[in-house]
Amino acid sequence: MPSLTLEGASTVARDIPERKVAIGGSIVSLGGGIDSAVIANDQWSIPLLGVAAYGAIGSYDTIVTSVDGSIARIRPWTTYEIDVLLPGVGYRMIKRRYMFSAALRGGLVFLTTQGAVAAGADETAFGLSGLSPLVQAELLACRRLDPLTRVCLQVAPRIYDFGFMNGATFGVRVEWGR
């Protein structure tokens, strides 16, 4: 997980100002999304706008870190991510009922998680969040089911997502249209 911004917290002892908090580690998320594209001809496509949302799945150990000199515990299982996908450019090859496609596009990623900072014998909850530009490649292998429907396997390595080569998405995709 990347460094995220602490939104500020007040403990019984003091106020902690807004600041970056180093987290580390990784998570596995599950989610869904919706996307749109315009097909220029049989070879070129223009991915338009899309949105996706993911939530952490599985069990994770609490990440112990420091916030302004105090011990903090980050709870990775509370992580949520929202992707806003912007227009890009794509190329596709069609061979009978099969289609292979590659696209490059940008977007924005919003990531949020929860944690708590120690304040004597008590803990004070806080939120962490971050916003990052996104650049991803999208690779698809599809099979046409009928004249308007395709089912695809998708791999989308994240070229930039809070850092270079920082993740990937894998999915099953259903497409309607030509």
C-alpha atoms as a PDB file:
ATOM      1  CA  MET A   1       0.000   0.000   0.000  1.00  0.00           C
ATOM      2  CA  PRO A   2       1.255   3.506  -0.739  1.00  0.00           C
ATOM      3  CA  SER A   3       1.816   6.369   1.661  1.00  0.00           C
ATOM      4  CA  LEU A   4      -1.536   8.015   2.369  1.00  0.00           C
ATOM      5  CA  THR A   5      -2.572  11.325   3.910  1.00  0.00           C
ATOM      6  CA  LEU A   6      -3.825  11.321   7.487  1.00  0.00           C
ATOM      7  CA  GLU A   7      -6.840  13.605   7.630  1.00  0.00           C
ATOM      8  CA  GLY A   8      -5.898  14.865  11.112  1.00  0.00           C
ATOM      9  CA  ALA A   9      -6.854  13.406  14.484  1.00  0.00           C
ATOM     10  CA  SER A  10      -7.378  14.646  18.021  1.00  0.00           C
ATOM     11  CA  THR A  11      -6.322  12.422  20.912  1.00  0.00           C
ATOM     12  CA  VAL A  12      -6.821  13.038  24.622  1.00  0.00           C
ATOM     13  CA  ALA A  13      -3.212  14.250  24.770  1.00  0.00           C
ATOM     14  CA  ARG A  14      -2.799  16.325  21.587  1.00  0.00           C
ATOM     15  CA  ASP A  15      -3.874  17.140  18.046  1.00  0.00           C
ATOM     16  CA  ILE A  16      -2.156  15.372  15.157  1.00  0.00           C
ATOM     17  CA  PRO A  17      -1.992  17.537  12.017  1.00  0.00           C
ATOM     18  CA  GLU A  18      -2.645  16.377   8.476  1.00  0.00           C
ATOM     19  CA  ARG A  19       0.420  14.478   7.199  1.00  0.00           C
ATOM     20  CA  LYS A  20       1.645  11.628   4.983  1.00  0.00           C
ATOM     21  CA  VAL A  21       1.858   8.205   6.647  1.00  0.00           C
ATOM     22  CA  ALA A  22       4.064   5.421   5.236  1.00  0.00           C
ATOM     23  CA  ILE A  23       2.137   2.141   5.179  1.00  0.00           C
ATOM     24  CA  GLY A  24       3.737  -0.561   2.983  1.00  0.00           C
ATOM     25  CA  GLY A  25       2.435  -4.059   2.348  1.00  0.00           C
ATOM     26  CA  SER A  26      -0.061  -5.171  -0.269  1.00  0.00           C
ATOM     27  CA  ILE A  27      -3.720  -6.141  -0.465  1.00  0.00           C
ATOM     28  CA  VAL A  28      -6.021  -8.148  -2.708  1.00  0.00           C
ATOM     29  CA  SER A  29      -9.282  -6.451  -3.669  1.00  0.00           C
ATOM     30  CA  LEU A  30     -12.502  -7.498  -5.339  1.00  0.00           C
ATOM     31  CA  GLY A  31     -14.832  -5.164  -7.181  1.00  0.00           C
ATOM     32  CA  GLY A  32     -16.609  -4.261 -10.360  1.00  0.00           C
ATOM     33  CA  GLY A  33     -16.930  -1.485 -12.850  1.00  0.00           C
ATOM     34  CA  ILE A  34     -18.573  -0.120 -15.952  1.00  0.00           C
ATOM     35  CA  ASP A  35     -16.784   1.187 -19.015  1.00  0.00           C
ATOM     36  CA  SER A  36     -17.584   2.621 -22.453  1.00  0.00           C
ATOM     37  CA  ALA A  37     -15.763   2.762 -25.776  1.00  0.00           C
ATOM     38  CA  VAL A  38     -16.254   3.854 -29.363  1.00  0.00           C
ATOM     39  CA  ILE A  39     -15.071   1.568 -32.137  1.00  0.00           C
ATOM     40  CA  ALA A  40     -13.579   3.615 -34.986  1.00  0.00           C
ATOM     41  CA  ASN A  41     -13.274   0.636 -37.357  1.00  0.00           C
ATOM     42  CA  ASP A  42     -12.372  -3.051 -37.067  1.00  0.00           C
ATOM     43  CA  GLN A  43      -8.894  -2.146 -35.804  1.00  0.00           C
ATOM     44  CA  TRP A  44      -9.047   1.041 -33.713  1.00  0.00           C
ATOM     45  CA  SER A  45     -10.998   1.674 -30.545  1.00  0.00           C
ATOM     46  CA  ILE A  46     -11.287   4.700 -28.291  1.00  0.00           C
ATOM     47  CA  PRO A  47     -11.991   3.789 -24.657  1.00  0.00           C
ATOM     48  CA  LEU A  48     -14.102   6.629 -23.250  1.00  0.00           C
ATOM     49  CA  LEU A  49     -15.139   6.922 -19.605  1.00  0.00           C
ATOM     50  CA  GLY A  50     -15.335   4.259 -16.930  1.00  0.00           C
ATOM     51  CA  VAL A  51     -15.587   3.833 -13.191  1.00  0.00           C
ATOM     52  CA  ALA A  52     -14.654   0.917 -10.925  1.00  0.00           C
ATOM     53  CA  ALA A  53     -14.807   0.301  -7.188  1.00  0.00           C
ATOM     54  CA  TYR A  54     -12.904  -2.278  -5.139  1.00  0.00           C
ATOM     55  CA  GLY A  55     -12.790  -3.384  -1.514  1.00  0.00           C
ATOM     56  CA  ALA A  56     -10.116  -5.406   0.279  1.00  0.00           C
ATOM     57  CA  ILE A  57     -10.846  -9.113   0.725  1.00  0.00           C
ATOM     58  CA  GLY A  58      -9.134 -11.628   2.967  1.00  0.00           C
ATOM     59  CA  SER A  59      -7.563 -11.270   6.381  1.00  0.00           C
ATOM     60  CA  TYR A  60      -4.568  -9.036   7.007  1.00  0.00           C
ATOM     61  CA  ASP A  61      -2.373  -8.296   9.968  1.00  0.00           C
ATOM     62  CA  THR A  62      -2.547  -4.807  11.395  1.00  0.00           C
ATOM     63  CA  ILE A  63       0.283  -2.641  10.031  1.00  0.00           C
ATOM     64  CA  VAL A  64       2.153  -0.885  12.835  1.00  0.00           C
ATOM     65  CA  THR A  65       3.690   2.473  11.906  1.00  0.00           C
ATOM     66  CA  SER A  66       4.393   5.868  13.433  1.00  0.00           C
ATOM     67  CA  VAL A  67       2.332   9.052  13.191  1.00  0.00           C
ATOM     68  CA  ASP A  68       3.935  12.226  14.536  1.00  0.00           C
ATOM     69  CA  GLY A  69       5.925  10.186  17.074  1.00  0.00           C
ATOM     70  CA  SER A  70       2.955   8.084  18.249  1.00  0.00           C
ATOM     71  CA  ILE A  71       2.337   4.407  17.538  1.00  0.00           C
ATOM     72  CA  ALA A  72      -0.352   3.908  14.908  1.00  0.00           C
ATOM     73  CA  ARG A  73      -2.093   0.795  13.644  1.00  0.00           C
ATOM     74  CA  ILE A  74      -3.396   0.690  10.081  1.00  0.00           C
ATOM     75  CA  ARG A  75      -6.244  -1.724   9.288  1.00  0.00           C
ATOM     76  CA  PRO A  76      -5.725  -2.841   5.656  1.00  0.00           C
ATOM     77  CA  TRP A  77      -8.963  -4.849   5.607  1.00  0.00           C
ATOM     78  CA  THR A  78     -10.868  -1.521   5.641  1.00  0.00           C
ATOM     79  CA  THR A  79      -9.321  -0.380   2.331  1.00  0.00           C
ATOM     80  CA  TYR A  80     -11.532   0.812  -0.529  1.00  0.00           C
ATOM     81  CA  GLU A  81     -10.478   2.062  -3.966  1.00  0.00           C
ATOM     82  CA  ILE A  82     -12.376   3.972  -6.647  1.00  0.00           C
ATOM     83  CA  ASP A  83     -10.963   4.294 -10.176  1.00  0.00           C
ATOM     84  CA  VAL A  84     -12.179   6.890 -12.669  1.00  0.00           C
ATOM     85  CA  LEU A  85     -10.984   5.873 -16.135  1.00  0.00           C
ATOM     86  CA  LEU A  86     -10.452   8.568 -18.751  1.00  0.00           C
ATOM     87  CA  PRO A  87     -10.259   8.299 -22.560  1.00  0.00           C
ATOM     88  CA  GLY A  88      -7.416   6.440 -24.211  1.00  0.00           C
ATOM     89  CA  VAL A  89      -6.530   4.686 -27.451  1.00  0.00           C
ATOM     90  CA  GLY A  90      -6.720   1.015 -28.371  1.00  0.00           C
ATOM     91  CA  TYR A  91      -5.943  -1.434 -31.157  1.00  0.00           C
ATOM     92  CA  ARG A  92      -7.771  -4.692 -31.831  1.00  0.00           C
ATOM     93  CA  MET A  93      -7.462  -7.734 -34.061  1.00  0.00           C
ATOM     94  CA  ILE A  94     -10.459  -9.831 -35.016  1.00  0.00           C
ATOM     95  CA  LYS A  95     -10.146 -13.374 -36.352  1.00  0.00           C
ATOM     96  CA  ARG A  96     -13.539 -14.973 -36.926  1.00  0.00           C
ATOM     97  CA  ARG A  97     -15.156 -15.287 -33.464  1.00  0.00           C
ATOM     98  CA  TYR A  98     -12.057 -14.206 -31.534  1.00  0.00           C
ATOM     99  CA  MET A  99     -10.808 -10.738 -30.747  1.00  0.00           C
ATOM    100  CA  PHE A 100      -7.566  -9.588 -29.132  1.00  0.00           C
ATOM    101  CA  SER A 101      -7.259  -6.015 -27.973  1.00  0.00           C
ATOM    102  CA  ALA A 102      -4.728  -3.707 -26.302  1.00  0.00           C
ATOM    103  CA  ALA A 103      -5.423  -0.196 -25.026  1.00  0.00           C
ATOM    104  CA  LEU A 104      -3.596   2.498 -23.109  1.00  0.00           C
ATOM    105  CA  ARG A 105      -5.522   4.919 -20.934  1.00  0.00           C
ATOM    106  CA  GLY A 106      -5.281   7.220 -17.972  1.00  0.00           C
ATOM    107  CA  GLY A 107      -7.420   8.073 -15.013  1.00  0.00           C
ATOM    108  CA  LEU A 108      -7.538   8.857 -11.311  1.00  0.00           C
ATOM    109  CA  VAL A 109      -7.397   6.538  -8.295  1.00  0.00           C
ATOM    110  CA  PHE A 110      -8.859   7.354  -4.878  1.00  0.00           C
ATOM    111  CA  LEU A 111      -7.756   5.047  -2.039  1.00  0.00           C
ATOM    112  CA  THR A 112      -8.968   5.127   1.557  1.00  0.00           C
ATOM    113  CA  THR A 113      -8.375   3.052   4.698  1.00  0.00           C
ATOM    114  CA  GLN A 114      -8.795   3.327   8.459  1.00  0.00           C
ATOM    115  CA  GLY A 115      -6.464   3.185  11.434  1.00  0.00           C
ATOM    116  CA  ALA A 116      -5.970   4.204  15.047  1.00  0.00           C
ATOM    117  CA  VAL A 117      -3.266   6.100  16.916  1.00  0.00           C
ATOM    118  CA  ALA A 118      -2.248   5.310  20.501  1.00  0.00           C
ATOM    119  CA  ALA A 119      -2.940   7.981  23.097  1.00  0.00           C
ATOM    120  CA  GLY A 120      -1.837   6.597  26.439  1.00  0.00           C
ATOM    121  CA  ALA A 121      -4.076   3.602  27.197  1.00  0.00           C
ATOM    122  CA  ASP A 122      -6.662   4.732  24.609  1.00  0.00           C
ATOM    123  CA  GLU A 123      -6.782   4.657  20.824  1.00  0.00           C
ATOM    124  CA  THR A 124      -8.175   7.363  18.573  1.00  0.00           C
ATOM    125  CA  ALA A 125      -9.522   6.322  15.166  1.00  0.00           C
ATOM    126  CA  PHE A 126      -8.509   8.204  12.018  1.00  0.00           C
ATOM    127  CA  GLY A 127      -8.924   7.989   8.267  1.00  0.00           C
ATOM    128  CA  LEU A 128      -6.233   7.851   5.606  1.00  0.00           C
ATOM    129  CA  SER A 129      -6.779   8.668   1.950  1.00  0.00           C
ATOM    130  CA  GLY A 130      -4.891   9.402  -1.232  1.00  0.00           C
ATOM    131  CA  LEU A 131      -5.475  10.480  -4.828  1.00  0.00           C
ATOM    132  CA  SER A 132      -3.148   9.458  -7.641  1.00  0.00           C
ATOM    133  CA  PRO A 133      -3.005   9.671 -11.422  1.00  0.00           C
ATOM    134  CA  LEU A 134      -3.420   6.333 -13.152  1.00  0.00           C
ATOM    135  CA  VAL A 135      -1.891   4.995 -16.360  1.00  0.00           C
ATOM    136  CA  GLN A 136      -2.809   1.446 -17.316  1.00  0.00           C
ATOM    137  CA  ALA A 137      -2.567  -0.922 -20.249  1.00  0.00           C
ATOM    138  CA  GLU A 138      -5.596  -3.100 -20.948  1.00  0.00           C
ATOM    139  CA  LEU A 139      -5.137  -6.461 -22.658  1.00  0.00           C
ATOM    140  CA  LEU A 140      -8.195  -8.452 -23.729  1.00  0.00           C
ATOM    141  CA  ALA A 141      -8.797 -11.888 -25.240  1.00  0.00           C
ATOM    142  CA  CYS A 142     -12.444 -12.279 -26.286  1.00  0.00           C
ATOM    143  CA  ARG A 143     -14.794 -14.776 -27.881  1.00  0.00           C
ATOM    144  CA  ARG A 144     -17.998 -13.734 -29.602  1.00  0.00           C
ATOM    145  CA  LEU A 145     -21.080 -15.511 -28.239  1.00  0.00           C
ATOM    146  CA  ASP A 146     -23.630 -14.040 -30.648  1.00  0.00           C
ATOM    147  CA  PRO A 147     -23.671 -11.102 -33.110  1.00  0.00           C
ATOM    148  CA  LEU A 148     -23.686  -8.491 -30.321  1.00  0.00           C
ATOM    149  CA  THR A 149     -22.130 -10.158 -27.245  1.00  0.00           C
ATOM    150  CA  ARG A 150     -18.534 -11.043 -26.359  1.00  0.00           C
ATOM    151  CA  VAL A 151     -17.034 -12.517 -23.212  1.00  0.00           C
ATOM    152  CA  CYS A 152     -13.425 -11.534 -22.464  1.00  0.00           C
ATOM    153  CA  LEU A 153     -10.569 -12.218 -20.104  1.00  0.00           C
ATOM    154  CA  GLN A 154      -8.890  -8.947 -19.141  1.00  0.00           C
ATOM    155  CA  VAL A 155      -5.472  -8.149 -17.683  1.00  0.00           C
ATOM    156  CA  ALA A 156      -4.691  -4.495 -16.915  1.00  0.00           C
ATOM    157  CA  PRO A 157      -1.196  -3.869 -15.542  1.00  0.00           C
ATOM    158  CA  ARG A 158      -0.933  -0.528 -13.752  1.00  0.00           C
ATOM    159  CA  ILE A 159       1.952   1.385 -15.304  1.00  0.00           C
ATOM    160  CA  TYR A 160       1.466   4.141 -12.735  1.00  0.00           C
ATOM    161  CA  ASP A 161      -0.799   3.906  -9.658  1.00  0.00           C
ATOM    162  CA  PHE A 162       0.731   5.684  -6.608  1.00  0.00           C
ATOM    163  CA  GLY A 163       4.078   4.531  -8.095  1.00  0.00           C
ATOM    164  CA  PHE A 164       5.479   2.807 -11.176  1.00  0.00           C
ATOM    165  CA  MET A 165       4.330  -0.780 -11.855  1.00  0.00           C
ATOM    166  CA  ASN A 166       2.271  -0.769  -8.666  1.00  0.00           C
ATOM    167  CA  GLY A 167      -0.397  -3.394  -9.298  1.00  0.00           C
ATOM    168  CA  ALA A 168      -2.668  -4.992 -11.864  1.00  0.00           C
ATOM    169  CA  THR A 169      -6.292  -5.923 -12.306  1.00  0.00           C
ATOM    170  CA  PHE A 170      -7.582  -9.222 -13.640  1.00  0.00           C
ATOM    171  CA  GLY A 171     -11.132  -9.774 -14.706  1.00  0.00           C
ATOM    172  CA  VAL A 172     -13.881 -11.253 -16.773  1.00  0.00           C
ATOM    173  CA  ARG A 173     -15.614  -8.767 -19.013  1.00  0.00           C
ATOM    174  CA  VAL A 174     -18.814  -8.877 -21.060  1.00  0.00           C
ATOM    175  CA  GLU A 175     -19.081  -6.579 -24.073  1.00  0.00           C
ATOM    176  CA  TRP A 176     -22.188  -5.618 -26.010  1.00  0.00           C
ATOM    177  CA  GLY A 177     -21.953  -4.118 -29.489  1.00  0.00           C
ATOM    178  CA  ARG A 178     -19.948  -4.671 -32.614  1.00  0.00           C
END
